[in-house]
Amino acid sequence: MAHLPLTLLYRQKYIQDELNASAETKKKMFEACAGDILKAVDAIIGAFNNKKKVLLCGNGGSAADSQHIATELVIRMSKPDRPALPAIALTTDTSCLTAGGNDIGFDNIFSRQVEALGNAGDVLIAISTSGKSENVNRAINEAKKKGMTVIGFLGKGGGSSKELVDIPIIIPSNDTQRIQEGHITVAHIICGIVENEMFS
């Protein structure tokens, strides 16, 4: 019990420091990302207006973000009674992912699905906090071959993905946690604008 006040102070400082770090990153995002966010919105609305779809991929936390964003588009974010929008997270089919990892290698698990499901005019949202995920980069290359527009949700300067995508949205941070927080914030902004403009 003697250590409780010290522990409490540490925890409170940790909470404050983390919230401040997150807020500082988000403040920097307007200048760093706003222009590319608007380009991404235009690409996605253009695809939906042309009866095309959005595919998403990423690893780990970025896989979770892929599912989250796809759900916001298919179900809804904030507008009740709007039509569904076609979006597929390539991270959710365990049979496809494990067969792909076993039979054609983990580096190809997303590119194979893009090959099967992607069409010219579709959009791929490729999510990588480092911009160096080989399976994501291969999916980007496959999407470009198919005539898809590729939006990169990236961090740490964009990595090698920055040069591959059409629209790089690079969170101005080298901290994976801050980048992931930035990615989902960007996603909510994009989904909000898409809903408001398509179903006003």
C-alpha atoms as a PDB file:
ATOM      1  CA  MET A   1       0.000   0.000   0.000  1.00  0.00           C
ATOM      2  CA  ALA A   2       2.937   2.313   0.616  1.00  0.00           C
ATOM      3  CA  HIS A   3       3.651   2.384  -3.129  1.00  0.00           C
ATOM      4  CA  LEU A   4       0.089   3.150  -4.170  1.00  0.00           C
ATOM      5  CA  PRO A   5       0.429   6.964  -4.391  1.00  0.00           C
ATOM      6  CA  LEU A   6       3.581   6.632  -6.529  1.00  0.00           C
ATOM      7  CA  THR A   7       1.871   4.069  -8.770  1.00  0.00           C
ATOM      8  CA  LEU A   8      -1.166   6.308  -9.114  1.00  0.00           C
ATOM      9  CA  LEU A   9       0.980   9.293 -10.062  1.00  0.00           C
ATOM     10  CA  TYR A  10       2.813   7.214 -12.660  1.00  0.00           C
ATOM     11  CA  ARG A  11      -0.437   6.003 -14.146  1.00  0.00           C
ATOM     12  CA  GLN A  12      -1.955   9.452 -14.257  1.00  0.00           C
ATOM     13  CA  LYS A  13       1.160  10.864 -15.936  1.00  0.00           C
ATOM     14  CA  TYR A  14       1.184   7.994 -18.419  1.00  0.00           C
ATOM     15  CA  ILE A  15      -2.446   8.658 -19.332  1.00  0.00           C
ATOM     16  CA  GLN A  16      -1.809  12.369 -19.729  1.00  0.00           C
ATOM     17  CA  ASP A  17       1.337  11.842 -21.803  1.00  0.00           C
ATOM     18  CA  GLU A  18      -0.392   9.393 -24.134  1.00  0.00           C
ATOM     19  CA  LEU A  19      -3.387  11.647 -24.677  1.00  0.00           C
ATOM     20  CA  ASN A  20      -1.129  14.622 -25.328  1.00  0.00           C
ATOM     21  CA  ALA A  21       0.983  12.627 -27.803  1.00  0.00           C
ATOM     22  CA  SER A  22      -2.124  11.469 -29.637  1.00  0.00           C
ATOM     23  CA  ALA A  23      -3.519  14.993 -29.761  1.00  0.00           C
ATOM     24  CA  GLU A  24      -0.239  16.432 -31.051  1.00  0.00           C
ATOM     25  CA  THR A  25      -0.112  13.898 -33.872  1.00  0.00           C
ATOM     26  CA  LYS A  26      -3.672  14.681 -34.881  1.00  0.00           C
ATOM     27  CA  LYS A  27      -2.972  18.413 -34.874  1.00  0.00           C
ATOM     28  CA  LYS A  28      -0.148  17.812 -37.359  1.00  0.00           C
ATOM     29  CA  MET A  29      -2.370  15.669 -39.574  1.00  0.00           C
ATOM     30  CA  PHE A  30      -4.374  18.543 -41.033  1.00  0.00           C
ATOM     31  CA  GLU A  31      -1.377  20.100 -42.740  1.00  0.00           C
ATOM     32  CA  ALA A  32       0.226  16.747 -43.573  1.00  0.00           C
ATOM     33  CA  CYS A  33      -2.820  14.809 -44.746  1.00  0.00           C
ATOM     34  CA  ALA A  34      -5.830  16.995 -45.583  1.00  0.00           C
ATOM     35  CA  GLY A  35      -5.070  17.320 -49.291  1.00  0.00           C
ATOM     36  CA  ASP A  36      -4.620  13.589 -49.756  1.00  0.00           C
ATOM     37  CA  ILE A  37      -7.708  12.839 -47.661  1.00  0.00           C
ATOM     38  CA  LEU A  38      -9.739  14.948 -50.096  1.00  0.00           C
ATOM     39  CA  LYS A  39      -8.221  13.059 -53.051  1.00  0.00           C
ATOM     40  CA  ALA A  40      -9.145   9.774 -51.366  1.00  0.00           C
ATOM     41  CA  VAL A  41     -12.722  10.947 -50.846  1.00  0.00           C
ATOM     42  CA  ASP A  42     -13.000  11.861 -54.540  1.00  0.00           C
ATOM     43  CA  ALA A  43     -11.605   8.472 -55.595  1.00  0.00           C
ATOM     44  CA  ILE A  44     -13.986   6.536 -53.355  1.00  0.00           C
ATOM     45  CA  ILE A  45     -17.088   8.540 -54.281  1.00  0.00           C
ATOM     46  CA  GLY A  46     -16.141   8.214 -57.946  1.00  0.00           C
ATOM     47  CA  ALA A  47     -15.837   4.456 -57.599  1.00  0.00           C
ATOM     48  CA  PHE A  48     -19.169   4.102 -55.814  1.00  0.00           C
ATOM     49  CA  ASN A  49     -20.924   6.344 -58.333  1.00  0.00           C
ATOM     50  CA  ASN A  50     -19.613   4.053 -61.082  1.00  0.00           C
ATOM     51  CA  LYS A  51     -20.915   0.920 -59.340  1.00  0.00           C
ATOM     52  CA  LYS A  52     -17.435  -0.119 -58.230  1.00  0.00           C
ATOM     53  CA  LYS A  53     -16.219  -1.297 -54.816  1.00  0.00           C
ATOM     54  CA  VAL A  54     -13.540  -0.796 -52.193  1.00  0.00           C
ATOM     55  CA  LEU A  55     -11.140  -3.534 -51.102  1.00  0.00           C
ATOM     56  CA  LEU A  56      -8.998  -3.181 -47.969  1.00  0.00           C
ATOM     57  CA  CYS A  57      -5.974  -5.002 -46.565  1.00  0.00           C
ATOM     58  CA  GLY A  58      -3.383  -4.770 -43.813  1.00  0.00           C
ATOM     59  CA  ASN A  59      -1.692  -6.804 -41.072  1.00  0.00           C
ATOM     60  CA  GLY A  60      -2.330  -6.933 -37.335  1.00  0.00           C
ATOM     61  CA  GLY A  61      -3.920  -3.700 -36.146  1.00  0.00           C
ATOM     62  CA  SER A  62      -4.183  -2.663 -39.784  1.00  0.00           C
ATOM     63  CA  ALA A  63      -6.180  -5.837 -40.471  1.00  0.00           C
ATOM     64  CA  ALA A  64      -8.574  -4.776 -37.735  1.00  0.00           C
ATOM     65  CA  ASP A  65      -8.776  -1.323 -39.303  1.00  0.00           C
ATOM     66  CA  SER A  66      -9.576  -2.922 -42.680  1.00  0.00           C
ATOM     67  CA  GLN A  67     -12.547  -4.714 -41.154  1.00  0.00           C
ATOM     68  CA  HIS A  68     -13.632  -1.618 -39.242  1.00  0.00           C
ATOM     69  CA  ILE A  69     -13.590   0.612 -42.319  1.00  0.00           C
ATOM     70  CA  ALA A  70     -15.337  -1.954 -44.519  1.00  0.00           C
ATOM     71  CA  THR A  71     -18.091  -2.216 -41.909  1.00  0.00           C
ATOM     72  CA  GLU A  72     -18.529   1.553 -41.748  1.00  0.00           C
ATOM     73  CA  LEU A  73     -19.087   1.550 -45.513  1.00  0.00           C
ATOM     74  CA  VAL A  74     -21.295  -1.537 -45.801  1.00  0.00           C
ATOM     75  CA  ILE A  75     -23.482  -0.980 -42.743  1.00  0.00           C
ATOM     76  CA  ARG A  76     -23.278   2.746 -42.007  1.00  0.00           C
ATOM     77  CA  MET A  77     -21.334   5.210 -39.936  1.00  0.00           C
ATOM     78  CA  SER A  78     -23.838   7.828 -38.844  1.00  0.00           C
ATOM     79  CA  LYS A  79     -26.583   8.144 -41.480  1.00  0.00           C
ATOM     80  CA  PRO A  80     -29.571   5.885 -40.825  1.00  0.00           C
ATOM     81  CA  ASP A  81     -31.463   4.286 -43.689  1.00  0.00           C
ATOM     82  CA  ARG A  82     -28.811   4.910 -46.343  1.00  0.00           C
ATOM     83  CA  PRO A  83     -28.061   2.241 -48.965  1.00  0.00           C
ATOM     84  CA  ALA A  84     -25.142  -0.107 -48.337  1.00  0.00           C
ATOM     85  CA  LEU A  85     -21.826   0.685 -49.992  1.00  0.00           C
ATOM     86  CA  PRO A  86     -19.740  -2.212 -51.393  1.00  0.00           C
ATOM     87  CA  ALA A  87     -16.526  -2.788 -49.414  1.00  0.00           C
ATOM     88  CA  ILE A  88     -14.614  -5.977 -48.650  1.00  0.00           C
ATOM     89  CA  ALA A  89     -11.858  -6.473 -46.076  1.00  0.00           C
ATOM     90  CA  LEU A  90      -9.394  -9.042 -47.444  1.00  0.00           C
ATOM     91  CA  THR A  91      -8.369  -9.893 -43.878  1.00  0.00           C
ATOM     92  CA  THR A  92     -11.436 -11.792 -42.690  1.00  0.00           C
ATOM     93  CA  ASP A  93     -11.555 -15.147 -44.496  1.00  0.00           C
ATOM     94  CA  THR A  94      -9.428 -17.474 -42.380  1.00  0.00           C
ATOM     95  CA  SER A  95      -9.669 -20.352 -44.862  1.00  0.00           C
ATOM     96  CA  CYS A  96      -8.435 -18.148 -47.703  1.00  0.00           C
ATOM     97  CA  LEU A  97      -5.679 -16.586 -45.580  1.00  0.00           C
ATOM     98  CA  THR A  98      -4.383 -19.876 -44.191  1.00  0.00           C
ATOM     99  CA  ALA A  99      -4.571 -21.693 -47.531  1.00  0.00           C
ATOM    100  CA  GLY A 100      -2.792 -18.785 -49.164  1.00  0.00           C
ATOM    101  CA  GLY A 101      -0.116 -18.689 -46.486  1.00  0.00           C
ATOM    102  CA  ASN A 102       0.407 -22.435 -46.764  1.00  0.00           C
ATOM    103  CA  ASP A 103       0.160 -22.893 -50.536  1.00  0.00           C
ATOM    104  CA  ILE A 104       1.445 -19.693 -52.148  1.00  0.00           C
ATOM    105  CA  GLY A 105       3.222 -17.934 -49.276  1.00  0.00           C
ATOM    106  CA  PHE A 106       2.176 -15.250 -46.801  1.00  0.00           C
ATOM    107  CA  ASP A 107       3.525 -12.507 -49.056  1.00  0.00           C
ATOM    108  CA  ASN A 108       0.809 -13.351 -51.601  1.00  0.00           C
ATOM    109  CA  ILE A 109      -2.293 -13.645 -49.390  1.00  0.00           C
ATOM    110  CA  PHE A 110      -3.686 -10.243 -50.365  1.00  0.00           C
ATOM    111  CA  SER A 111      -2.487  -9.999 -53.958  1.00  0.00           C
ATOM    112  CA  ARG A 112      -4.218 -13.296 -54.756  1.00  0.00           C
ATOM    113  CA  GLN A 113      -7.516 -11.947 -53.453  1.00  0.00           C
ATOM    114  CA  VAL A 114      -7.075  -8.704 -55.379  1.00  0.00           C
ATOM    115  CA  GLU A 115      -6.461 -10.813 -58.477  1.00  0.00           C
ATOM    116  CA  ALA A 116      -9.730 -12.670 -57.842  1.00  0.00           C
ATOM    117  CA  LEU A 117     -11.965  -9.845 -56.660  1.00  0.00           C
ATOM    118  CA  GLY A 118     -10.554  -6.588 -58.000  1.00  0.00           C
ATOM    119  CA  ASN A 119     -11.707  -4.913 -61.202  1.00  0.00           C
ATOM    120  CA  ALA A 120     -10.721  -1.799 -63.113  1.00  0.00           C
ATOM    121  CA  GLY A 121     -12.230   1.233 -61.422  1.00  0.00           C
ATOM    122  CA  ASP A 122     -12.292  -0.341 -57.961  1.00  0.00           C
ATOM    123  CA  VAL A 123     -10.348   1.175 -55.053  1.00  0.00           C
ATOM    124  CA  LEU A 124      -7.840  -0.604 -52.833  1.00  0.00           C
ATOM    125  CA  ILE A 125      -7.137   0.877 -49.411  1.00  0.00           C
ATOM    126  CA  ALA A 126      -3.743  -0.544 -48.438  1.00  0.00           C
ATOM    127  CA  ILE A 127      -2.909  -0.052 -44.758  1.00  0.00           C
ATOM    128  CA  SER A 128       0.635  -0.329 -43.388  1.00  0.00           C
ATOM    129  CA  THR A 129       2.043   1.605 -40.449  1.00  0.00           C
ATOM    130  CA  SER A 130       5.575   1.136 -41.802  1.00  0.00           C
ATOM    131  CA  GLY A 131       4.885   1.214 -45.535  1.00  0.00           C
ATOM    132  CA  LYS A 132       7.123  -1.836 -45.807  1.00  0.00           C
ATOM    133  CA  SER A 133       4.691  -4.773 -45.592  1.00  0.00           C
ATOM    134  CA  GLU A 134       5.551  -7.066 -48.488  1.00  0.00           C
ATOM    135  CA  ASN A 135       2.106  -8.668 -48.717  1.00  0.00           C
ATOM    136  CA  VAL A 136       0.488  -5.228 -48.790  1.00  0.00           C
ATOM    137  CA  ASN A 137       2.926  -3.984 -51.431  1.00  0.00           C
ATOM    138  CA  ARG A 138       2.211  -7.005 -53.623  1.00  0.00           C
ATOM    139  CA  ALA A 139      -1.512  -6.308 -53.298  1.00  0.00           C
ATOM    140  CA  ILE A 140      -0.838  -2.717 -54.377  1.00  0.00           C
ATOM    141  CA  ASN A 141       1.069  -3.893 -57.443  1.00  0.00           C
ATOM    142  CA  GLU A 142      -1.695  -6.328 -58.392  1.00  0.00           C
ATOM    143  CA  ALA A 143      -4.317  -3.614 -57.985  1.00  0.00           C
ATOM    144  CA  LYS A 144      -2.369  -1.244 -60.217  1.00  0.00           C
ATOM    145  CA  LYS A 145      -2.112  -3.967 -62.892  1.00  0.00           C
ATOM    146  CA  LYS A 146      -5.885  -4.315 -62.791  1.00  0.00           C
ATOM    147  CA  GLY A 147      -6.526  -0.595 -63.222  1.00  0.00           C
ATOM    148  CA  MET A 148      -7.598   0.072 -59.640  1.00  0.00           C
ATOM    149  CA  THR A 149      -6.941   3.267 -57.709  1.00  0.00           C
ATOM    150  CA  VAL A 150      -4.820   2.630 -54.618  1.00  0.00           C
ATOM    151  CA  ILE A 151      -5.024   4.687 -51.444  1.00  0.00           C
ATOM    152  CA  GLY A 152      -2.254   4.075 -48.920  1.00  0.00           C
ATOM    153  CA  PHE A 153      -2.827   4.580 -45.203  1.00  0.00           C
ATOM    154  CA  LEU A 154       0.819   4.797 -44.148  1.00  0.00           C
ATOM    155  CA  GLY A 155       3.212   6.080 -41.493  1.00  0.00           C
ATOM    156  CA  LYS A 156       6.924   6.433 -40.729  1.00  0.00           C
ATOM    157  CA  GLY A 157       7.486   8.478 -43.861  1.00  0.00           C
ATOM    158  CA  GLY A 158       5.526   6.111 -46.095  1.00  0.00           C
ATOM    159  CA  GLY A 159       8.211   3.470 -46.687  1.00  0.00           C
ATOM    160  CA  SER A 160       8.330   1.735 -50.047  1.00  0.00           C
ATOM    161  CA  SER A 161       4.523   1.800 -50.307  1.00  0.00           C
ATOM    162  CA  LYS A 162       4.601   5.570 -50.741  1.00  0.00           C
ATOM    163  CA  GLU A 163       6.016   5.219 -54.260  1.00  0.00           C
ATOM    164  CA  LEU A 164       3.564   2.472 -55.249  1.00  0.00           C
ATOM    165  CA  VAL A 165       0.190   3.954 -54.292  1.00  0.00           C
ATOM    166  CA  ASP A 166      -1.774   6.654 -56.108  1.00  0.00           C
ATOM    167  CA  ILE A 167      -2.784   8.552 -52.978  1.00  0.00           C
ATOM    168  CA  PRO A 168      -0.458   8.264 -49.953  1.00  0.00           C
ATOM    169  CA  ILE A 169      -1.994   9.389 -46.665  1.00  0.00           C
ATOM    170  CA  ILE A 170       1.020   9.415 -44.369  1.00  0.00           C
ATOM    171  CA  ILE A 171       0.468  10.002 -40.664  1.00  0.00           C
ATOM    172  CA  PRO A 172       3.251  12.327 -39.433  1.00  0.00           C
ATOM    173  CA  SER A 173       4.640  10.007 -36.756  1.00  0.00           C
ATOM    174  CA  ASN A 174       7.119   7.171 -36.255  1.00  0.00           C
ATOM    175  CA  ASP A 175       5.145   5.689 -33.342  1.00  0.00           C
ATOM    176  CA  THR A 176       3.011   2.737 -34.417  1.00  0.00           C
ATOM    177  CA  GLN A 177       0.301   3.532 -31.866  1.00  0.00           C
ATOM    178  CA  ARG A 178      -0.030   7.128 -33.023  1.00  0.00           C
ATOM    179  CA  ILE A 179      -0.081   6.008 -36.654  1.00  0.00           C
ATOM    180  CA  GLN A 180      -2.870   3.508 -36.007  1.00  0.00           C
ATOM    181  CA  GLU A 181      -4.871   6.153 -34.154  1.00  0.00           C
ATOM    182  CA  GLY A 182      -4.335   8.483 -37.084  1.00  0.00           C
ATOM    183  CA  HIS A 183      -5.441   5.864 -39.586  1.00  0.00           C
ATOM    184  CA  ILE A 184      -8.782   5.218 -37.967  1.00  0.00           C
ATOM    185  CA  THR A 185      -9.351   8.956 -37.516  1.00  0.00           C
ATOM    186  CA  VAL A 186      -8.699   9.473 -41.239  1.00  0.00           C
ATOM    187  CA  ALA A 187     -11.030   6.579 -42.025  1.00  0.00           C
ATOM    188  CA  HIS A 188     -13.841   8.092 -39.981  1.00  0.00           C
ATOM    189  CA  ILE A 189     -13.346  11.440 -41.702  1.00  0.00           C
ATOM    190  CA  ILE A 190     -13.422   9.816 -45.147  1.00  0.00           C
ATOM    191  CA  CYS A 191     -16.493   7.687 -44.348  1.00  0.00           C
ATOM    192  CA  GLY A 192     -18.253  10.744 -42.897  1.00  0.00           C
ATOM    193  CA  ILE A 193     -17.651  12.880 -45.968  1.00  0.00           C
ATOM    194  CA  VAL A 194     -18.606  10.031 -48.310  1.00  0.00           C
ATOM    195  CA  GLU A 195     -21.890   9.499 -46.469  1.00  0.00           C
ATOM    196  CA  ASN A 196     -22.718  13.173 -46.257  1.00  0.00           C
ATOM    197  CA  GLU A 197     -22.010  13.859 -49.933  1.00  0.00           C
ATOM    198  CA  MET A 198     -23.572  10.730 -51.374  1.00  0.00           C
ATOM    199  CA  PHE A 199     -26.673  10.680 -49.182  1.00  0.00           C
ATOM    200  CA  SER A 200     -27.258  14.317 -48.190  1.00  0.00           C
END
